[in-house]
Amino acid sequence: MPFDKLHAFFNKRRFAASGDGSETALPYRIVTTCRSSEVAKLEELMRRRLSAYDVTYQGSEPAIQAHLTSITVEVMCSVRERGGLVQLVTRLAQEISVRSVRWESIPQRSARPVQDRTASRARHAAAAQPA
C-alpha cells in the first residue's frame, strides 16, 4: 500500500483514500474574540453558517480585557464538511469587531459516525427557531 501511494504521487495522480474514515465526524473548536457590543451579531452569523453542522457546545464569556468577549463553539463534522468551517473562520476574520479567531481539532473527544448526528441537527435547528 505505501508503494501505491508513492507511485501515485510521483505520477501526479491522487491516491484515493479508503472510504472507512471519510464519513466519521470529528470534533473541532472555534474560539472568536470580539467586542462585547457585537456578540449577538456574531453569534447569529455563526448560527446561520453552522445550521447544517452538529454543534455540541456554544457559549461566551468575558475575555481578559474588559471590552472583549470570547465566543466558543464546538462542532462535529466530517473531513468533507470541514471546508465549511474554513469558510466560517475566514468570514469571521473579516469582521471589523473580531480581534482574533482560532480553530482547532479536539483530540480528547471520540469521533462519531455521521449517521448518529441526525437527532442533534434537529435539536439545533429547533433551538435556532425564534419562539
Protein backbone atom coordinates (compact mmCIF):
# COMPACT_ATOMS: atom_id res chain seq x y z
CA MET A 1 0.00 0.00 0.00
CA PRO A 2 2.70 2.61 0.80
CA PHE A 3 4.28 1.95 -2.60
CA ASP A 4 0.93 2.57 -4.31
CA LYS A 5 0.77 6.00 -2.67
CA LEU A 6 4.32 6.85 -3.72
CA HIS A 7 3.68 5.65 -7.25
CA ALA A 8 0.50 7.76 -7.46
CA PHE A 9 2.33 10.78 -6.01
CA PHE A 10 5.21 10.66 -8.46
CA ASN A 11 2.85 10.15 -11.38
CA LYS A 12 0.88 13.23 -10.22
CA ARG A 13 -2.28 11.28 -9.55
CA ARG A 14 -4.27 11.44 -6.37
CA PHE A 15 -4.40 8.34 -4.28
CA ALA A 16 -7.95 7.55 -3.29
CA ALA A 17 -8.18 7.11 0.45
CA SER A 18 -10.25 4.29 1.83
CA GLY A 19 -13.87 5.25 2.45
CA ASP A 20 -13.91 3.95 6.03
CA GLY A 21 -12.93 7.11 7.87
CA SER A 22 -14.14 9.73 5.40
CA GLU A 23 -17.61 9.97 6.96
CA THR A 24 -16.55 9.98 10.58
CA ALA A 25 -17.48 13.14 12.44
CA LEU A 26 -14.50 14.74 14.16
CA PRO A 27 -14.67 17.39 16.91
CA TYR A 28 -13.48 20.96 16.29
CA ARG A 29 -13.49 24.09 18.45
CA ILE A 30 -13.78 27.66 17.12
CA VAL A 31 -12.88 30.47 19.53
CA THR A 32 -13.65 34.04 18.45
CA THR A 33 -12.65 37.09 20.49
CA CYS A 34 -14.65 40.21 19.66
CA ARG A 35 -16.02 43.44 21.07
CA SER A 36 -18.69 42.76 23.68
CA SER A 37 -21.15 45.01 21.85
CA GLU A 38 -21.04 42.76 18.75
CA VAL A 39 -21.55 39.35 20.39
CA ALA A 40 -25.20 38.96 19.33
CA LYS A 41 -24.41 39.78 15.70
CA LEU A 42 -21.53 37.30 15.54
CA GLU A 43 -23.46 34.55 17.32
CA GLU A 44 -26.24 34.95 14.75
CA LEU A 45 -23.70 34.75 11.91
CA MET A 46 -22.24 31.57 13.44
CA ARG A 47 -25.69 30.09 13.98
CA ARG A 48 -26.60 30.66 10.32
CA ARG A 49 -23.31 29.28 8.99
CA LEU A 50 -23.34 26.26 11.30
CA SER A 51 -27.02 25.33 10.87
CA ALA A 52 -26.10 22.17 8.92
CA TYR A 53 -23.50 21.06 11.48
CA ASP A 54 -23.72 19.19 14.75
CA VAL A 55 -22.99 21.97 17.26
CA THR A 56 -22.18 20.30 20.58
CA TYR A 57 -21.41 23.44 22.62
CA GLN A 58 -21.86 27.16 22.22
CA GLY A 59 -21.08 29.76 24.85
CA SER A 60 -19.50 33.13 25.51
CA GLU A 61 -17.52 34.57 28.39
CA PRO A 62 -15.71 37.83 29.12
CA ALA A 63 -12.15 37.91 27.82
CA ILE A 64 -9.16 39.22 29.77
CA GLN A 65 -9.74 42.76 28.54
CA ALA A 66 -12.94 44.36 29.82
CA HIS A 67 -14.48 45.29 26.46
CA LEU A 68 -13.88 41.91 24.77
CA THR A 69 -15.81 38.63 24.83
CA SER A 70 -14.75 35.15 23.73
CA ILE A 71 -17.33 33.07 21.86
CA THR A 72 -16.62 29.34 21.83
CA VAL A 73 -18.36 26.87 19.53
CA GLU A 74 -17.64 23.14 19.39
CA VAL A 75 -18.70 21.32 16.24
CA MET A 76 -18.67 17.73 14.99
CA CYS A 77 -18.06 17.43 11.25
CA SER A 78 -16.59 15.05 8.71
CA VAL A 79 -13.50 15.76 6.64
CA ARG A 80 -15.73 16.59 3.66
CA GLU A 81 -17.65 19.17 5.70
CA ARG A 82 -14.52 20.80 7.09
CA GLY A 83 -14.39 23.25 4.18
CA GLY A 84 -17.46 24.94 5.64
CA LEU A 85 -15.57 25.52 8.89
CA VAL A 86 -12.70 27.09 6.95
CA GLN A 87 -15.20 29.41 5.25
CA LEU A 88 -16.73 30.37 8.60
CA VAL A 89 -13.34 31.15 10.17
CA THR A 90 -12.39 33.21 7.11
CA ARG A 91 -15.70 35.09 7.25
CA LEU A 92 -15.35 35.79 10.98
CA ALA A 93 -11.82 37.12 10.46
CA GLN A 94 -13.21 39.70 8.02
CA GLU A 95 -15.50 41.23 10.66
CA ILE A 96 -14.20 44.55 11.99
CA SER A 97 -15.20 43.80 15.59
CA VAL A 98 -13.32 40.47 15.68
CA ARG A 99 -9.91 40.65 17.35
CA SER A 100 -8.92 37.00 16.90
CA VAL A 101 -10.27 33.72 15.55
CA ARG A 102 -8.74 30.32 16.07
CA TRP A 103 -9.97 26.87 15.35
CA GLU A 104 -8.54 23.55 16.38
CA SER A 105 -9.30 19.88 16.49
CA ILE A 106 -10.24 18.44 19.87
CA PRO A 107 -8.18 15.25 20.20
CA GLN A 108 -9.54 14.01 23.53
CA ARG A 109 -13.09 13.63 22.20
CA SER A 110 -14.15 10.50 20.39
CA ALA A 111 -15.33 10.58 16.81
CA ARG A 112 -18.90 9.64 15.90
CA PRO A 113 -20.32 8.21 12.69
CA VAL A 114 -22.20 10.78 10.59
CA GLN A 115 -25.47 8.84 10.86
CA ASP A 116 -25.65 9.48 14.64
CA ARG A 117 -25.89 13.24 14.10
CA THR A 118 -29.42 13.49 12.68
CA ALA A 119 -31.11 13.95 16.07
CA SER A 120 -28.55 16.53 17.16
CA ARG A 121 -29.08 18.55 13.97
CA ALA A 122 -32.83 18.51 14.54
CA ARG A 123 -32.35 19.82 18.11
CA HIS A 124 -30.01 22.56 16.89
CA ALA A 125 -32.45 23.63 14.17
CA ALA A 126 -35.31 23.75 16.68
CA ALA A 127 -33.23 25.85 19.10
CA ALA A 128 -32.34 28.33 16.34
CA GLN A 129 -36.02 29.00 15.55
CA PRO A 130 -37.41 32.11 17.23
CA ALA A 131 -40.03 31.34 19.87
